[in-house]
Amino acid sequence: MSLSVSNLTVSYGSHVVLDQLSIEGLHRGSFTALLGPNAAGKSTLFKSIAGLIPVHSGDVFLGDKNLRTCAKKERAREVIYLPQAFYSSLALSVFESVLVSLKQNVSWRVKSSDVHQVAQVLELLNIAHLAEKNISELSGGQKQLVALARILVVNPKIILLDEPTSALDLHHQLSILTIIKKLTIERGFITVAALHDVNLAAKFCGQIMLLDKGEIQTQGNASDVLAMPLLGEAYKVETSLERSREGQLYLDAKLLENSNLAMA
């Protein structure tokens, strides 16, 4: 079973954000990075796949199933989208928040098996000690782990992560991406993460897609995509692919000569 996208077009008013965008099959157990400059449409693509915004045209397939023709509840069970920041306006504990995620698409009657399932996920992510804490009391890294727990308890087929390491320190970045990669392989998820840090993508993701100008400009193995001049062109920098002494890929980048240093 794989995720693929065909000729997806999304507009905000007269502004076309995604223009007949297509993605080749992403298979179970794969962890793919979605790269692209700011405002390239990465969040829009994720929301389109998850069915959270209107789509002008195109199709989203999970195997032979066109997700665009599925009922909202069925699509929500298949695809989970995690935005950049996890907020909860309700005064919920960590345990309650994960339990609500589990029950939102089924009967609200709580069974003992539900309680056990939530407890298992919290143990898996080493946050069982936070079960009774209010979400508002948590650090940024802890909130990201709770958000991940809310995904895992549902056990979807597709996980879309929008900057899952934003505003986290290096320790939490490595910790969360290590967990995501491990569980993606073990549970056979199709996981796609939009990442700003190209070298985190090189370290954790086997595949990379580059989104620019409303289209997927290239898609393939991380080592192949990172070596392409196309990547530097998208970010308006000069890049060179290197390897560490341990053999880990990393991308060195520098501004182009006469580049405008002002932030847009």
C-alpha atoms as a PDB file:
ATOM      1  CA  MET A   1       0.000   0.000   0.000  1.00  0.00           C
ATOM      2  CA  SER A   2       1.327   3.456  -0.906  1.00  0.00           C
ATOM      3  CA  LEU A   3       0.351   7.119  -0.859  1.00  0.00           C
ATOM      4  CA  SER A   4       0.317   8.965  -4.168  1.00  0.00           C
ATOM      5  CA  VAL A   5      -1.005  12.317  -5.364  1.00  0.00           C
ATOM      6  CA  SER A   6      -2.101  13.121  -8.895  1.00  0.00           C
ATOM      7  CA  ASN A   7      -2.526  16.583 -10.462  1.00  0.00           C
ATOM      8  CA  LEU A   8      -3.462  18.337  -7.221  1.00  0.00           C
ATOM      9  CA  THR A   9      -4.424  21.995  -7.653  1.00  0.00           C
ATOM     10  CA  VAL A  10      -5.225  24.291  -4.729  1.00  0.00           C
ATOM     11  CA  SER A  11      -5.930  28.018  -4.858  1.00  0.00           C
ATOM     12  CA  TYR A  12      -6.593  30.742  -2.328  1.00  0.00           C
ATOM     13  CA  GLY A  13      -8.772  33.106  -4.304  1.00  0.00           C
ATOM     14  CA  SER A  14      -6.917  33.883  -7.519  1.00  0.00           C
ATOM     15  CA  HIS A  15      -3.566  32.771  -6.071  1.00  0.00           C
ATOM     16  CA  VAL A  16      -2.615  29.239  -7.163  1.00  0.00           C
ATOM     17  CA  VAL A  17      -0.565  27.586  -4.407  1.00  0.00           C
ATOM     18  CA  LEU A  18      -0.319  24.040  -5.748  1.00  0.00           C
ATOM     19  CA  ASP A  19      -0.433  23.625  -9.515  1.00  0.00           C
ATOM     20  CA  GLN A  20      -1.215  20.096 -10.745  1.00  0.00           C
ATOM     21  CA  LEU A  21       1.175  18.709  -8.160  1.00  0.00           C
ATOM     22  CA  SER A  22       1.932  14.989  -8.234  1.00  0.00           C
ATOM     23  CA  ILE A  23       3.730  12.660  -5.815  1.00  0.00           C
ATOM     24  CA  GLU A  24       4.954   9.203  -6.747  1.00  0.00           C
ATOM     25  CA  GLY A  25       4.097   6.319  -4.433  1.00  0.00           C
ATOM     26  CA  LEU A  26       5.334   6.601  -0.836  1.00  0.00           C
ATOM     27  CA  HIS A  27       5.324   3.141   0.715  1.00  0.00           C
ATOM     28  CA  ARG A  28       4.635   1.771   4.180  1.00  0.00           C
ATOM     29  CA  GLY A  29       7.555   2.116   6.547  1.00  0.00           C
ATOM     30  CA  SER A  30       8.982   5.083   4.635  1.00  0.00           C
ATOM     31  CA  PHE A  31      10.006   8.357   6.294  1.00  0.00           C
ATOM     32  CA  THR A  32      10.083  11.170   3.734  1.00  0.00           C
ATOM     33  CA  ALA A  33      11.177  14.776   4.172  1.00  0.00           C
ATOM     34  CA  LEU A  34       9.278  17.549   2.415  1.00  0.00           C
ATOM     35  CA  LEU A  35      11.665  20.426   1.736  1.00  0.00           C
ATOM     36  CA  GLY A  36      11.019  23.823   0.203  1.00  0.00           C
ATOM     37  CA  PRO A  37      11.473  27.533   0.853  1.00  0.00           C
ATOM     38  CA  ASN A  38       9.109  29.545   3.022  1.00  0.00           C
ATOM     39  CA  ALA A  39       5.631  29.965   1.515  1.00  0.00           C
ATOM     40  CA  ALA A  40       6.228  27.128  -0.965  1.00  0.00           C
ATOM     41  CA  GLY A  41       2.926  25.511   0.096  1.00  0.00           C
ATOM     42  CA  LYS A  42       4.091  22.689   2.366  1.00  0.00           C
ATOM     43  CA  SER A  43       1.316  23.209   4.941  1.00  0.00           C
ATOM     44  CA  THR A  44      -1.236  23.590   2.156  1.00  0.00           C
ATOM     45  CA  LEU A  45      -0.136  20.267   0.667  1.00  0.00           C
ATOM     46  CA  PHE A  46      -0.506  18.491   3.999  1.00  0.00           C
ATOM     47  CA  LYS A  47      -3.934  19.989   4.661  1.00  0.00           C
ATOM     48  CA  SER A  48      -5.024  18.994   1.150  1.00  0.00           C
ATOM     49  CA  ILE A  49      -3.954  15.377   1.649  1.00  0.00           C
ATOM     50  CA  ALA A  50      -5.716  15.287   5.019  1.00  0.00           C
ATOM     51  CA  GLY A  51      -8.910  16.756   3.553  1.00  0.00           C
ATOM     52  CA  LEU A  52      -8.845  19.864   5.746  1.00  0.00           C
ATOM     53  CA  ILE A  53      -9.130  22.458   2.956  1.00  0.00           C
ATOM     54  CA  PRO A  54     -10.982  22.586  -0.362  1.00  0.00           C
ATOM     55  CA  VAL A  55      -9.145  21.264  -3.415  1.00  0.00           C
ATOM     56  CA  HIS A  56      -9.819  22.578  -6.910  1.00  0.00           C
ATOM     57  CA  SER A  57      -8.860  19.348  -8.671  1.00  0.00           C
ATOM     58  CA  GLY A  58      -6.710  16.246  -8.416  1.00  0.00           C
ATOM     59  CA  ASP A  59      -6.692  12.980  -6.502  1.00  0.00           C
ATOM     60  CA  VAL A  60      -5.075  11.526  -3.373  1.00  0.00           C
ATOM     61  CA  PHE A  61      -4.708   7.742  -3.382  1.00  0.00           C
ATOM     62  CA  LEU A  62      -3.965   5.327  -0.563  1.00  0.00           C
ATOM     63  CA  GLY A  63      -3.401   2.154  -2.509  1.00  0.00           C
ATOM     64  CA  ASP A  64      -6.406   1.902  -4.824  1.00  0.00           C
ATOM     65  CA  LYS A  65      -8.600   4.060  -2.574  1.00  0.00           C
ATOM     66  CA  ASN A  66      -9.168   7.673  -3.589  1.00  0.00           C
ATOM     67  CA  LEU A  67      -9.207   9.518  -0.259  1.00  0.00           C
ATOM     68  CA  ARG A  68     -11.000  12.477  -1.824  1.00  0.00           C
ATOM     69  CA  THR A  69     -14.116  10.332  -2.212  1.00  0.00           C
ATOM     70  CA  CYS A  70     -14.013   8.964   1.353  1.00  0.00           C
ATOM     71  CA  ALA A  71     -16.242  10.150   4.166  1.00  0.00           C
ATOM     72  CA  LYS A  72     -14.571  12.620   6.543  1.00  0.00           C
ATOM     73  CA  LYS A  73     -14.460  10.150   9.451  1.00  0.00           C
ATOM     74  CA  GLU A  74     -12.885   7.434   7.327  1.00  0.00           C
ATOM     75  CA  ARG A  75     -10.282   9.844   5.946  1.00  0.00           C
ATOM     76  CA  ALA A  76      -9.508  11.092   9.473  1.00  0.00           C
ATOM     77  CA  ARG A  77      -8.742   7.519  10.535  1.00  0.00           C
ATOM     78  CA  GLU A  78      -6.394   6.996   7.596  1.00  0.00           C
ATOM     79  CA  VAL A  79      -4.558  10.350   7.636  1.00  0.00           C
ATOM     80  CA  ILE A  80      -3.372  12.374  10.637  1.00  0.00           C
ATOM     81  CA  TYR A  81      -1.983  15.899  10.209  1.00  0.00           C
ATOM     82  CA  LEU A  82       0.086  17.447  12.985  1.00  0.00           C
ATOM     83  CA  PRO A  83       0.509  21.229  12.613  1.00  0.00           C
ATOM     84  CA  GLN A  84       3.623  23.132  13.665  1.00  0.00           C
ATOM     85  CA  ALA A  85       2.418  23.836  17.199  1.00  0.00           C
ATOM     86  CA  PHE A  86       0.108  21.821  19.427  1.00  0.00           C
ATOM     87  CA  TYR A  87      -2.403  23.920  21.323  1.00  0.00           C
ATOM     88  CA  SER A  88      -5.241  22.867  23.588  1.00  0.00           C
ATOM     89  CA  SER A  89      -7.794  25.454  24.676  1.00  0.00           C
ATOM     90  CA  LEU A  90      -9.347  22.915  27.047  1.00  0.00           C
ATOM     91  CA  ALA A  91      -8.070  22.298  30.567  1.00  0.00           C
ATOM     92  CA  LEU A  92      -7.138  18.679  29.870  1.00  0.00           C
ATOM     93  CA  SER A  93      -4.500  16.480  31.401  1.00  0.00           C
ATOM     94  CA  VAL A  94      -2.065  14.656  29.161  1.00  0.00           C
ATOM     95  CA  PHE A  95      -3.963  11.389  29.658  1.00  0.00           C
ATOM     96  CA  GLU A  96      -7.331  13.027  28.891  1.00  0.00           C
ATOM     97  CA  SER A  97      -5.964  14.712  25.772  1.00  0.00           C
ATOM     98  CA  VAL A  98      -4.692  11.435  24.322  1.00  0.00           C
ATOM     99  CA  LEU A  99      -7.922   9.663  25.282  1.00  0.00           C
ATOM    100  CA  VAL A 100      -9.988  12.331  23.482  1.00  0.00           C
ATOM    101  CA  SER A 101      -7.890  11.765  20.362  1.00  0.00           C
ATOM    102  CA  LEU A 102      -8.583   8.026  20.552  1.00  0.00           C
ATOM    103  CA  LYS A 103     -12.347   8.449  20.964  1.00  0.00           C
ATOM    104  CA  GLN A 104     -13.088  11.362  18.648  1.00  0.00           C
ATOM    105  CA  ASN A 105     -14.070   9.220  15.661  1.00  0.00           C
ATOM    106  CA  VAL A 106     -15.811   6.416  17.561  1.00  0.00           C
ATOM    107  CA  SER A 107     -18.206   5.962  20.476  1.00  0.00           C
ATOM    108  CA  TRP A 108     -17.413   8.258  23.411  1.00  0.00           C
ATOM    109  CA  ARG A 109     -18.069   5.465  25.900  1.00  0.00           C
ATOM    110  CA  VAL A 110     -14.688   4.763  27.510  1.00  0.00           C
ATOM    111  CA  LYS A 111     -13.742   1.096  27.894  1.00  0.00           C
ATOM    112  CA  SER A 112     -10.971  -0.413  29.956  1.00  0.00           C
ATOM    113  CA  SER A 113      -9.181  -1.310  26.718  1.00  0.00           C
ATOM    114  CA  ASP A 114      -9.134   2.402  25.792  1.00  0.00           C
ATOM    115  CA  VAL A 115      -7.480   3.305  29.084  1.00  0.00           C
ATOM    116  CA  HIS A 116      -4.928   0.538  28.566  1.00  0.00           C
ATOM    117  CA  GLN A 117      -4.229   1.710  25.009  1.00  0.00           C
ATOM    118  CA  VAL A 118      -3.569   5.294  26.119  1.00  0.00           C
ATOM    119  CA  ALA A 119      -1.321   4.101  28.957  1.00  0.00           C
ATOM    120  CA  GLN A 120       0.679   1.977  26.510  1.00  0.00           C
ATOM    121  CA  VAL A 121       1.324   4.920  24.183  1.00  0.00           C
ATOM    122  CA  LEU A 122       2.443   7.153  27.046  1.00  0.00           C
ATOM    123  CA  GLU A 123       4.828   4.440  28.211  1.00  0.00           C
ATOM    124  CA  LEU A 124       6.144   4.003  24.667  1.00  0.00           C
ATOM    125  CA  LEU A 125       7.076   7.697  24.493  1.00  0.00           C
ATOM    126  CA  ASN A 126       8.415   7.783  28.071  1.00  0.00           C
ATOM    127  CA  ILE A 127       5.872  10.381  29.173  1.00  0.00           C
ATOM    128  CA  ALA A 128       3.728   8.247  31.489  1.00  0.00           C
ATOM    129  CA  HIS A 129       4.959  10.386  34.400  1.00  0.00           C
ATOM    130  CA  LEU A 130       3.205  13.373  32.781  1.00  0.00           C
ATOM    131  CA  ALA A 131      -0.197  11.665  32.565  1.00  0.00           C
ATOM    132  CA  GLU A 132      -1.894  13.829  35.212  1.00  0.00           C
ATOM    133  CA  LYS A 133      -0.225  17.110  34.242  1.00  0.00           C
ATOM    134  CA  ASN A 134      -2.243  19.789  32.473  1.00  0.00           C
ATOM    135  CA  ILE A 135      -1.172  20.401  28.858  1.00  0.00           C
ATOM    136  CA  SER A 136      -0.558  24.086  29.634  1.00  0.00           C
ATOM    137  CA  GLU A 137       2.091  23.126  32.207  1.00  0.00           C
ATOM    138  CA  LEU A 138       4.316  21.300  29.726  1.00  0.00           C
ATOM    139  CA  SER A 139       7.464  22.427  27.946  1.00  0.00           C
ATOM    140  CA  GLY A 140       7.586  22.695  24.156  1.00  0.00           C
ATOM    141  CA  GLY A 141       9.313  19.326  23.810  1.00  0.00           C
ATOM    142  CA  GLN A 142       6.819  17.634  26.120  1.00  0.00           C
ATOM    143  CA  LYS A 143       3.896  19.096  24.155  1.00  0.00           C
ATOM    144  CA  GLN A 144       5.362  17.715  20.937  1.00  0.00           C
ATOM    145  CA  LEU A 145       5.570  14.253  22.518  1.00  0.00           C
ATOM    146  CA  VAL A 146       1.941  14.519  23.659  1.00  0.00           C
ATOM    147  CA  ALA A 147       0.937  15.533  20.139  1.00  0.00           C
ATOM    148  CA  LEU A 148       2.798  12.481  18.845  1.00  0.00           C
ATOM    149  CA  ALA A 149       0.989  10.301  21.405  1.00  0.00           C
ATOM    150  CA  ARG A 150      -2.352  11.623  20.111  1.00  0.00           C
ATOM    151  CA  ILE A 151      -1.339  10.401  16.652  1.00  0.00           C
ATOM    152  CA  LEU A 152       0.007   7.004  17.674  1.00  0.00           C
ATOM    153  CA  VAL A 153      -3.019   6.086  19.762  1.00  0.00           C
ATOM    154  CA  VAL A 154      -5.179   6.367  16.629  1.00  0.00           C
ATOM    155  CA  ASN A 155      -2.706   4.221  14.627  1.00  0.00           C
ATOM    156  CA  PRO A 156      -3.290   5.863  11.223  1.00  0.00           C
ATOM    157  CA  LYS A 157      -1.782   4.752   7.933  1.00  0.00           C
ATOM    158  CA  ILE A 158      -0.436   8.197   6.954  1.00  0.00           C
ATOM    159  CA  ILE A 159       1.256  10.714   9.280  1.00  0.00           C
ATOM    160  CA  LEU A 160       1.887  14.276   8.080  1.00  0.00           C
ATOM    161  CA  LEU A 161       4.156  16.316  10.361  1.00  0.00           C
ATOM    162  CA  ASP A 162       4.461  20.056   9.789  1.00  0.00           C
ATOM    163  CA  GLU A 163       7.783  21.213  11.262  1.00  0.00           C
ATOM    164  CA  PRO A 164       7.693  18.712  14.168  1.00  0.00           C
ATOM    165  CA  THR A 165      11.008  20.033  15.541  1.00  0.00           C
ATOM    166  CA  SER A 166      10.281  23.759  15.339  1.00  0.00           C
ATOM    167  CA  ALA A 167      11.290  25.687  18.470  1.00  0.00           C
ATOM    168  CA  LEU A 168      12.895  22.597  20.035  1.00  0.00           C
ATOM    169  CA  ASP A 169      16.469  22.322  21.258  1.00  0.00           C
ATOM    170  CA  LEU A 170      18.877  19.901  19.586  1.00  0.00           C
ATOM    171  CA  HIS A 171      18.312  17.141  22.158  1.00  0.00           C
ATOM    172  CA  HIS A 172      14.537  17.161  21.631  1.00  0.00           C
ATOM    173  CA  GLN A 173      14.916  17.410  17.845  1.00  0.00           C
ATOM    174  CA  LEU A 174      17.032  14.264  17.738  1.00  0.00           C
ATOM    175  CA  SER A 175      14.868  12.467  20.297  1.00  0.00           C
ATOM    176  CA  ILE A 176      11.557  13.088  18.552  1.00  0.00           C
ATOM    177  CA  LEU A 177      12.829  12.291  15.049  1.00  0.00           C
ATOM    178  CA  THR A 178      14.490   9.110  16.333  1.00  0.00           C
ATOM    179  CA  ILE A 179      11.167   7.989  17.822  1.00  0.00           C
ATOM    180  CA  ILE A 180       9.238   8.893  14.669  1.00  0.00           C
ATOM    181  CA  LYS A 181      11.623   6.985  12.398  1.00  0.00           C
ATOM    182  CA  LYS A 182      11.656   3.923  14.654  1.00  0.00           C
ATOM    183  CA  LEU A 183       7.857   3.716  14.906  1.00  0.00           C
ATOM    184  CA  THR A 184       7.382   4.447  11.196  1.00  0.00           C
ATOM    185  CA  ILE A 185       9.433   1.355  10.369  1.00  0.00           C
ATOM    186  CA  GLU A 186       8.018  -0.864  13.131  1.00  0.00           C
ATOM    187  CA  ARG A 187       4.354  -0.003  12.533  1.00  0.00           C
ATOM    188  CA  GLY A 188       4.492   0.489   8.784  1.00  0.00           C
ATOM    189  CA  PHE A 189       3.357   4.108   8.747  1.00  0.00           C
ATOM    190  CA  ILE A 190       3.737   6.334   5.691  1.00  0.00           C
ATOM    191  CA  THR A 191       5.333   9.366   7.333  1.00  0.00           C
ATOM    192  CA  VAL A 192       6.082  12.710   5.692  1.00  0.00           C
ATOM    193  CA  ALA A 193       7.669  15.584   7.638  1.00  0.00           C
ATOM    194  CA  ALA A 194       8.086  19.149   6.441  1.00  0.00           C
ATOM    195  CA  LEU A 195      11.500  20.206   7.726  1.00  0.00           C
ATOM    196  CA  HIS A 196      13.444  23.464   7.578  1.00  0.00           C
ATOM    197  CA  ASP A 197      16.700  21.822   8.631  1.00  0.00           C
ATOM    198  CA  VAL A 198      18.045  20.049   5.548  1.00  0.00           C
ATOM    199  CA  ASN A 199      20.638  18.178   7.595  1.00  0.00           C
ATOM    200  CA  LEU A 200      17.967  16.689   9.875  1.00  0.00           C
ATOM    201  CA  ALA A 201      16.297  15.455   6.692  1.00  0.00           C
ATOM    202  CA  ALA A 202      19.609  13.961   5.555  1.00  0.00           C
ATOM    203  CA  LYS A 203      20.098  12.220   8.906  1.00  0.00           C
ATOM    204  CA  PHE A 204      16.642  10.703   9.377  1.00  0.00           C
ATOM    205  CA  CYS A 205      14.793  10.490   6.062  1.00  0.00           C
ATOM    206  CA  GLY A 206      15.412   7.945   3.346  1.00  0.00           C
ATOM    207  CA  GLN A 207      13.529   9.972   0.750  1.00  0.00           C
ATOM    208  CA  ILE A 208      13.233  13.675   0.031  1.00  0.00           C
ATOM    209  CA  MET A 209      10.686  15.696  -1.954  1.00  0.00           C
ATOM    210  CA  LEU A 210      11.378  19.294  -2.969  1.00  0.00           C
ATOM    211  CA  LEU A 211       8.353  21.581  -3.256  1.00  0.00           C
ATOM    212  CA  ASP A 212       8.808  24.873  -5.107  1.00  0.00           C
ATOM    213  CA  LYS A 213       6.733  26.990  -7.489  1.00  0.00           C
ATOM    214  CA  GLY A 214       3.609  24.967  -6.685  1.00  0.00           C
ATOM    215  CA  GLU A 215       5.040  21.639  -7.821  1.00  0.00           C
ATOM    216  CA  ILE A 216       7.175  18.778  -6.579  1.00  0.00           C
ATOM    217  CA  GLN A 217      10.378  19.642  -8.398  1.00  0.00           C
ATOM    218  CA  THR A 218      12.092  16.365  -7.584  1.00  0.00           C
ATOM    219  CA  GLN A 219      11.523  13.257  -5.481  1.00  0.00           C
ATOM    220  CA  GLY A 220      13.936  10.453  -4.695  1.00  0.00           C
ATOM    221  CA  ASN A 221      16.587   9.003  -2.412  1.00  0.00           C
ATOM    222  CA  ALA A 222      18.013  11.533   0.035  1.00  0.00           C
ATOM    223  CA  SER A 223      21.550  11.230  -1.311  1.00  0.00           C
ATOM    224  CA  ASP A 224      20.383  11.874  -4.890  1.00  0.00           C
ATOM    225  CA  VAL A 225      18.154  14.861  -4.109  1.00  0.00           C
ATOM    226  CA  LEU A 226      20.661  16.514  -1.768  1.00  0.00           C
ATOM    227  CA  ALA A 227      23.299  16.394  -4.509  1.00  0.00           C
ATOM    228  CA  MET A 228      21.126  18.229  -7.031  1.00  0.00           C
ATOM    229  CA  PRO A 229      21.813  21.897  -7.891  1.00  0.00           C
ATOM    230  CA  LEU A 230      18.017  22.205  -8.000  1.00  0.00           C
ATOM    231  CA  LEU A 231      17.956  22.190  -4.191  1.00  0.00           C
ATOM    232  CA  GLY A 232      20.257  25.181  -3.902  1.00  0.00           C
ATOM    233  CA  GLU A 233      18.310  26.998  -6.613  1.00  0.00           C
ATOM    234  CA  ALA A 234      15.072  26.604  -4.659  1.00  0.00           C
ATOM    235  CA  TYR A 235      16.634  28.125  -1.528  1.00  0.00           C
ATOM    236  CA  LYS A 236      18.734  30.664  -3.491  1.00  0.00           C
ATOM    237  CA  VAL A 237      22.000  29.378  -2.035  1.00  0.00           C
ATOM    238  CA  GLU A 238      25.008  27.443  -3.259  1.00  0.00           C
ATOM    239  CA  THR A 239      25.156  23.904  -1.875  1.00  0.00           C
ATOM    240  CA  SER A 240      27.636  21.055  -1.728  1.00  0.00           C
ATOM    241  CA  LEU A 241      26.961  17.576  -0.367  1.00  0.00           C
ATOM    242  CA  GLU A 242      29.545  16.296   2.103  1.00  0.00           C
ATOM    243  CA  ARG A 243      30.018  13.302   4.383  1.00  0.00           C
ATOM    244  CA  SER A 244      31.165  13.282   7.974  1.00  0.00           C
ATOM    245  CA  ARG A 245      33.926  10.978   9.210  1.00  0.00           C
ATOM    246  CA  GLU A 246      31.162   8.564  10.245  1.00  0.00           C
ATOM    247  CA  GLY A 247      29.730   8.600   6.717  1.00  0.00           C
ATOM    248  CA  GLN A 248      26.711  10.755   7.549  1.00  0.00           C
ATOM    249  CA  LEU A 249      25.482  13.010   4.748  1.00  0.00           C
ATOM    250  CA  TYR A 250      25.363  16.725   5.414  1.00  0.00           C
ATOM    251  CA  LEU A 251      24.723  19.711   3.194  1.00  0.00           C
ATOM    252  CA  ASP A 252      27.032  22.708   3.275  1.00  0.00           C
ATOM    253  CA  ALA A 253      25.456  25.926   2.013  1.00  0.00           C
ATOM    254  CA  LYS A 254      26.489  29.518   1.426  1.00  0.00           C
ATOM    255  CA  LEU A 255      24.796  32.601   0.089  1.00  0.00           C
ATOM    256  CA  LEU A 256      25.193  33.371  -3.558  1.00  0.00           C
ATOM    257  CA  GLU A 257      27.357  36.354  -4.451  1.00  0.00           C
ATOM    258  CA  ASN A 258      25.405  39.618  -4.499  1.00  0.00           C
ATOM    259  CA  SER A 259      22.591  37.890  -2.608  1.00  0.00           C
ATOM    260  CA  ASN A 260      20.116  40.187  -0.870  1.00  0.00           C
ATOM    261  CA  LEU A 261      20.610  39.722   2.863  1.00  0.00           C
ATOM    262  CA  ALA A 262      17.353  41.390   3.842  1.00  0.00           C
ATOM    263  CA  MET A 263      14.584  39.159   5.128  1.00  0.00           C
ATOM    264  CA  ALA A 264      11.432  39.161   3.022  1.00  0.00           C
END
